[in-house]
Amino acid sequence: MKFIKDSIRELKHVVWPTREETKKYFIIISTFIVLFGLYLFIFNSIFSEFIILLKDVFKS
């Protein structure tokens, strides 16, 4: 019970972000995730083509 009371007391000291800050951080994180996904997709495609090319070269 003491743990719960202490937790509630600590939560009262937390400074929660405003609605505008939350929107801003959401946009930043969403943009980062999309760009990182594109980065992974592009380099995965290039790497896959390179592996297929190597397979064809060493197959002959």
PDB file of N, CA and C in Angstrom:
ATOM      1  N   MET A   1       0.815  -1.188   0.000  1.00  0.00           N
ATOM      2  CA  MET A   1       0.000   0.000   0.000  1.00  0.00           C
ATOM      3  C   MET A   1       0.863   1.258   0.000  1.00  0.00           C
ATOM      4  N   LYS A   2       1.970   1.192   0.723  1.00  0.00           N
ATOM      5  CA  LYS A   2       2.881   2.336   0.769  1.00  0.00           C
ATOM      6  C   LYS A   2       3.444   2.628  -0.622  1.00  0.00           C
ATOM      7  N   PHE A   3       3.723   1.564  -1.379  1.00  0.00           N
ATOM      8  CA  PHE A   3       4.260   1.738  -2.735  1.00  0.00           C
ATOM      9  C   PHE A   3       3.271   2.516  -3.608  1.00  0.00           C
ATOM     10  N   ILE A   4       1.995   2.179  -3.519  1.00  0.00           N
ATOM     11  CA  ILE A   4       0.972   2.854  -4.326  1.00  0.00           C
ATOM     12  C   ILE A   4       0.852   4.318  -3.923  1.00  0.00           C
ATOM     13  N   LYS A   5       0.854   4.591  -2.640  1.00  0.00           N
ATOM     14  CA  LYS A   5       0.774   5.976  -2.158  1.00  0.00           C
ATOM     15  C   LYS A   5       1.984   6.784  -2.625  1.00  0.00           C
ATOM     16  N   ASP A   6       3.174   6.172  -2.538  1.00  0.00           N
ATOM     17  CA  ASP A   6       4.389   6.853  -2.994  1.00  0.00           C
ATOM     18  C   ASP A   6       4.350   7.094  -4.503  1.00  0.00           C
ATOM     19  N   SER A   7       3.833   6.136  -5.231  1.00  0.00           N
ATOM     20  CA  SER A   7       3.733   6.285  -6.686  1.00  0.00           C
ATOM     21  C   SER A   7       2.796   7.423  -7.051  1.00  0.00           C
ATOM     22  N   ILE A   8       1.662   7.506  -6.395  1.00  0.00           N
ATOM     23  CA  ILE A   8       0.703   8.582  -6.659  1.00  0.00           C
ATOM     24  C   ILE A   8       1.319   9.932  -6.312  1.00  0.00           C
ATOM     25  N   ARG A   9       2.036   9.995  -5.215  1.00  0.00           N
ATOM     26  CA  ARG A   9       2.697  11.242  -4.814  1.00  0.00           C
ATOM     27  C   ARG A   9       3.739  11.662  -5.858  1.00  0.00           C
ATOM     28  N   GLU A  10       4.491  10.710  -6.359  1.00  0.00           N
ATOM     29  CA  GLU A  10       5.498  11.024  -7.381  1.00  0.00           C
ATOM     30  C   GLU A  10       4.853  11.473  -8.678  1.00  0.00           C
ATOM     31  N   LEU A  11       3.726  10.859  -9.052  1.00  0.00           N
ATOM     32  CA  LEU A  11       3.042  11.244 -10.286  1.00  0.00           C
ATOM     33  C   LEU A  11       2.541  12.684 -10.238  1.00  0.00           C
ATOM     34  N   LYS A  12       2.291  13.199  -9.049  1.00  0.00           N
ATOM     35  CA  LYS A  12       1.856  14.591  -8.918  1.00  0.00           C
ATOM     36  C   LYS A  12       2.995  15.562  -9.239  1.00  0.00           C
ATOM     37  N   HIS A  13       4.235  15.090  -9.177  1.00  0.00           N
ATOM     38  CA  HIS A  13       5.390  15.941  -9.472  1.00  0.00           C
ATOM     39  C   HIS A  13       5.776  15.919 -10.949  1.00  0.00           C
ATOM     40  N   VAL A  14       5.162  15.040 -11.705  1.00  0.00           N
ATOM     41  CA  VAL A  14       5.497  14.911 -13.121  1.00  0.00           C
ATOM     42  C   VAL A  14       4.980  16.119 -13.888  1.00  0.00           C
ATOM     43  N   VAL A  15       5.808  16.643 -14.787  1.00  0.00           N
ATOM     44  CA  VAL A  15       5.381  17.732 -15.658  1.00  0.00           C
ATOM     45  C   VAL A  15       4.985  17.101 -16.987  1.00  0.00           C
ATOM     46  N   TRP A  16       3.690  17.048 -17.251  1.00  0.00           N
ATOM     47  CA  TRP A  16       3.194  16.407 -18.461  1.00  0.00           C
ATOM     48  C   TRP A  16       3.311  17.367 -19.631  1.00  0.00           C
ATOM     49  N   PRO A  17       3.580  16.848 -20.847  1.00  0.00           N
ATOM     50  CA  PRO A  17       3.692  17.738 -22.017  1.00  0.00           C
ATOM     51  C   PRO A  17       2.324  18.320 -22.390  1.00  0.00           C
ATOM     52  N   THR A  18       2.370  19.491 -22.992  1.00  0.00           N
ATOM     53  CA  THR A  18       1.134  20.122 -23.448  1.00  0.00           C
ATOM     54  C   THR A  18       0.650  19.424 -24.719  1.00  0.00           C
ATOM     55  N   ARG A  19      -0.559  19.762 -25.139  1.00  0.00           N
ATOM     56  CA  ARG A  19      -1.129  19.174 -26.351  1.00  0.00           C
ATOM     57  C   ARG A  19      -0.272  19.528 -27.570  1.00  0.00           C
ATOM     58  N   GLU A  20       0.213  20.762 -27.638  1.00  0.00           N
ATOM     59  CA  GLU A  20       1.040  21.197 -28.764  1.00  0.00           C
ATOM     60  C   GLU A  20       2.386  20.465 -28.778  1.00  0.00           C
ATOM     61  N   GLU A  21       2.986  20.292 -27.611  1.00  0.00           N
ATOM     62  CA  GLU A  21       4.249  19.552 -27.537  1.00  0.00           C
ATOM     63  C   GLU A  21       4.056  18.101 -27.978  1.00  0.00           C
ATOM     64  N   THR A  22       2.947  17.510 -27.555  1.00  0.00           N
ATOM     65  CA  THR A  22       2.663  16.132 -27.928  1.00  0.00           C
ATOM     66  C   THR A  22       2.499  16.009 -29.435  1.00  0.00           C
ATOM     67  N   LYS A  23       1.785  16.950 -30.055  1.00  0.00           N
ATOM     68  CA  LYS A  23       1.623  16.943 -31.517  1.00  0.00           C
ATOM     69  C   LYS A  23       2.976  17.074 -32.208  1.00  0.00           C
ATOM     70  N   LYS A  24       3.804  18.000 -31.700  1.00  0.00           N
ATOM     71  CA  LYS A  24       5.113  18.244 -32.305  1.00  0.00           C
ATOM     72  C   LYS A  24       5.981  16.990 -32.229  1.00  0.00           C
ATOM     73  N   TYR A  25       6.025  16.365 -31.065  1.00  0.00           N
ATOM     74  CA  TYR A  25       6.840  15.163 -30.901  1.00  0.00           C
ATOM     75  C   TYR A  25       6.292  14.009 -31.731  1.00  0.00           C
ATOM     76  N   PHE A  26       4.962  13.908 -31.850  1.00  0.00           N
ATOM     77  CA  PHE A  26       4.348  12.870 -32.665  1.00  0.00           C
ATOM     78  C   PHE A  26       4.759  13.022 -34.126  1.00  0.00           C
ATOM     79  N   ILE A  27       4.734  14.256 -34.623  1.00  0.00           N
ATOM     80  CA  ILE A  27       5.117  14.508 -36.015  1.00  0.00           C
ATOM     81  C   ILE A  27       6.590  14.193 -36.227  1.00  0.00           C
ATOM     82  N   ILE A  28       7.439  14.588 -35.299  1.00  0.00           N
ATOM     83  CA  ILE A  28       8.876  14.324 -35.428  1.00  0.00           C
ATOM     84  C   ILE A  28       9.151  12.821 -35.446  1.00  0.00           C
ATOM     85  N   ILE A  29       8.559  12.093 -34.508  1.00  0.00           N
ATOM     86  CA  ILE A  29       8.789  10.649 -34.423  1.00  0.00           C
ATOM     87  C   ILE A  29       8.204   9.935 -35.630  1.00  0.00           C
ATOM     88  N   SER A  30       7.010  10.330 -36.070  1.00  0.00           N
ATOM     89  CA  SER A  30       6.388   9.704 -37.241  1.00  0.00           C
ATOM     90  C   SER A  30       7.241   9.922 -38.487  1.00  0.00           C
ATOM     91  N   THR A  31       7.745  11.134 -38.660  1.00  0.00           N
ATOM     92  CA  THR A  31       8.607  11.433 -39.801  1.00  0.00           C
ATOM     93  C   THR A  31       9.874  10.591 -39.743  1.00  0.00           C
ATOM     94  N   PHE A  32      10.473  10.489 -38.582  1.00  0.00           N
ATOM     95  CA  PHE A  32      11.683   9.690 -38.427  1.00  0.00           C
ATOM     96  C   PHE A  32      11.416   8.232 -38.769  1.00  0.00           C
ATOM     97  N   ILE A  33      10.300   7.684 -38.310  1.00  0.00           N
ATOM     98  CA  ILE A  33       9.982   6.281 -38.576  1.00  0.00           C
ATOM     99  C   ILE A  33       9.783   6.050 -40.069  1.00  0.00           C
ATOM    100  N   VAL A  34       9.071   6.956 -40.739  1.00  0.00           N
ATOM    101  CA  VAL A  34       8.848   6.812 -42.181  1.00  0.00           C
ATOM    102  C   VAL A  34      10.173   6.896 -42.934  1.00  0.00           C
ATOM    103  N   LEU A  35      11.008   7.873 -42.603  1.00  0.00           N
ATOM    104  CA  LEU A  35      12.299   8.013 -43.289  1.00  0.00           C
ATOM    105  C   LEU A  35      13.203   6.812 -43.031  1.00  0.00           C
ATOM    106  N   PHE A  36      13.207   6.309 -41.815  1.00  0.00           N
ATOM    107  CA  PHE A  36      14.023   5.140 -41.499  1.00  0.00           C
ATOM    108  C   PHE A  36      13.500   3.908 -42.232  1.00  0.00           C
ATOM    109  N   GLY A  37      12.180   3.782 -42.342  1.00  0.00           N
ATOM    110  CA  GLY A  37      11.588   2.684 -43.104  1.00  0.00           C
ATOM    111  C   GLY A  37      11.973   2.747 -44.572  1.00  0.00           C
ATOM    112  N   LEU A  38      11.939   3.945 -45.148  1.00  0.00           N
ATOM    113  CA  LEU A  38      12.369   4.113 -46.545  1.00  0.00           C
ATOM    114  C   LEU A  38      13.842   3.767 -46.711  1.00  0.00           C
ATOM    115  N   TYR A  39      14.654   4.210 -45.777  1.00  0.00           N
ATOM    116  CA  TYR A  39      16.086   3.892 -45.797  1.00  0.00           C
ATOM    117  C   TYR A  39      16.299   2.378 -45.796  1.00  0.00           C
ATOM    118  N   LEU A  40      15.617   1.683 -44.896  1.00  0.00           N
ATOM    119  CA  LEU A  40      15.754   0.226 -44.832  1.00  0.00           C
ATOM    120  C   LEU A  40      15.267  -0.441 -46.115  1.00  0.00           C
ATOM    121  N   PHE A  41      14.144   0.031 -46.661  1.00  0.00           N
ATOM    122  CA  PHE A  41      13.599  -0.538 -47.885  1.00  0.00           C
ATOM    123  C   PHE A  41      14.569  -0.370 -49.048  1.00  0.00           C
ATOM    124  N   ILE A  42      15.106   0.835 -49.206  1.00  0.00           N
ATOM    125  CA  ILE A  42      16.014   1.111 -50.327  1.00  0.00           C
ATOM    126  C   ILE A  42      17.279   0.260 -50.216  1.00  0.00           C
ATOM    127  N   PHE A  43      17.911   0.248 -49.056  1.00  0.00           N
ATOM    128  CA  PHE A  43      19.148  -0.505 -48.923  1.00  0.00           C
ATOM    129  C   PHE A  43      18.917  -2.007 -48.926  1.00  0.00           C
ATOM    130  N   ASN A  44      17.770  -2.457 -48.471  1.00  0.00           N
ATOM    131  CA  ASN A  44      17.439  -3.873 -48.565  1.00  0.00           C
ATOM    132  C   ASN A  44      17.258  -4.269 -50.027  1.00  0.00           C
ATOM    133  N   SER A  45      16.610  -3.414 -50.809  1.00  0.00           N
ATOM    134  CA  SER A  45      16.420  -3.694 -52.232  1.00  0.00           C
ATOM    135  C   SER A  45      17.758  -3.739 -52.959  1.00  0.00           C
ATOM    136  N   ILE A  46      18.613  -2.771 -52.679  1.00  0.00           N
ATOM    137  CA  ILE A  46      19.937  -2.739 -53.315  1.00  0.00           C
ATOM    138  C   ILE A  46      20.737  -3.977 -52.919  1.00  0.00           C
ATOM    139  N   PHE A  47      20.727  -4.324 -51.645  1.00  0.00           N
ATOM    140  CA  PHE A  47      21.476  -5.479 -51.166  1.00  0.00           C
ATOM    141  C   PHE A  47      20.938  -6.770 -51.787  1.00  0.00           C
ATOM    142  N   SER A  48      19.626  -6.888 -51.911  1.00  0.00           N
ATOM    143  CA  SER A  48      19.025  -8.081 -52.511  1.00  0.00           C
ATOM    144  C   SER A  48      19.438  -8.223 -53.969  1.00  0.00           C
ATOM    145  N   GLU A  49      19.402  -7.120 -54.700  1.00  0.00           N
ATOM    146  CA  GLU A  49      19.829  -7.162 -56.109  1.00  0.00           C
ATOM    147  C   GLU A  49      21.308  -7.538 -56.218  1.00  0.00           C
ATOM    148  N   PHE A  50      22.120  -7.024 -55.313  1.00  0.00           N
ATOM    149  CA  PHE A  50      23.547  -7.348 -55.314  1.00  0.00           C
ATOM    150  C   PHE A  50      23.762  -8.838 -55.042  1.00  0.00           C
ATOM    151  N   ILE A  51      23.021  -9.388 -54.092  1.00  0.00           N
ATOM    152  CA  ILE A  51      23.147 -10.818 -53.777  1.00  0.00           C
ATOM    153  C   ILE A  51      22.713 -11.667 -54.966  1.00  0.00           C
ATOM    154  N   ILE A  52      21.621 -11.275 -55.617  1.00  0.00           N
ATOM    155  CA  ILE A  52      21.160 -12.015 -56.802  1.00  0.00           C
ATOM    156  C   ILE A  52      22.197 -11.936 -57.906  1.00  0.00           C
ATOM    157  N   LEU A  53      22.794 -10.782 -58.092  1.00  0.00           N
ATOM    158  CA  LEU A  53      23.838 -10.604 -59.111  1.00  0.00           C
ATOM    159  C   LEU A  53      25.037 -11.513 -58.781  1.00  0.00           C
ATOM    160  N   LEU A  54      25.462 -11.528 -57.525  1.00  0.00           N
ATOM    161  CA  LEU A  54      26.576 -12.387 -57.130  1.00  0.00           C
ATOM    162  C   LEU A  54      26.239 -13.858 -57.334  1.00  0.00           C
ATOM    163  N   LYS A  55      25.020 -14.232 -57.029  1.00  0.00           N
ATOM    164  CA  LYS A  55      24.591 -15.628 -57.217  1.00  0.00           C
ATOM    165  C   LYS A  55      24.677 -16.010 -58.688  1.00  0.00           C
ATOM    166  N   ASP A  56      24.239 -15.105 -59.566  1.00  0.00           N
ATOM    167  CA  ASP A  56      24.288 -15.382 -61.006  1.00  0.00           C
ATOM    168  C   ASP A  56      25.722 -15.432 -61.513  1.00  0.00           C
ATOM    169  N   VAL A  57      26.609 -14.603 -60.986  1.00  0.00           N
ATOM    170  CA  VAL A  57      28.010 -14.572 -61.421  1.00  0.00           C
ATOM    171  C   VAL A  57      28.702 -15.862 -61.004  1.00  0.00           C
ATOM    172  N   PHE A  58      28.502 -16.308 -59.777  1.00  0.00           N
ATOM    173  CA  PHE A  58      29.201 -17.494 -59.294  1.00  0.00           C
ATOM    174  C   PHE A  58      28.514 -18.788 -59.718  1.00  0.00           C
ATOM    175  N   LYS A  59      27.301 -18.699 -60.204  1.00  0.00           N
ATOM    176  CA  LYS A  59      26.583 -19.878 -60.682  1.00  0.00           C
ATOM    177  C   LYS A  59      27.160 -20.353 -62.013  1.00  0.00           C
ATOM    178  N   SER A  60      27.610 -19.397 -62.819  1.00  0.00           N
ATOM    179  CA  SER A  60      28.129 -19.740 -64.159  1.00  0.00           C
ATOM    180  C   SER A  60      29.453 -20.453 -64.108  1.00  0.00           C
TER     181      SER A  60
END
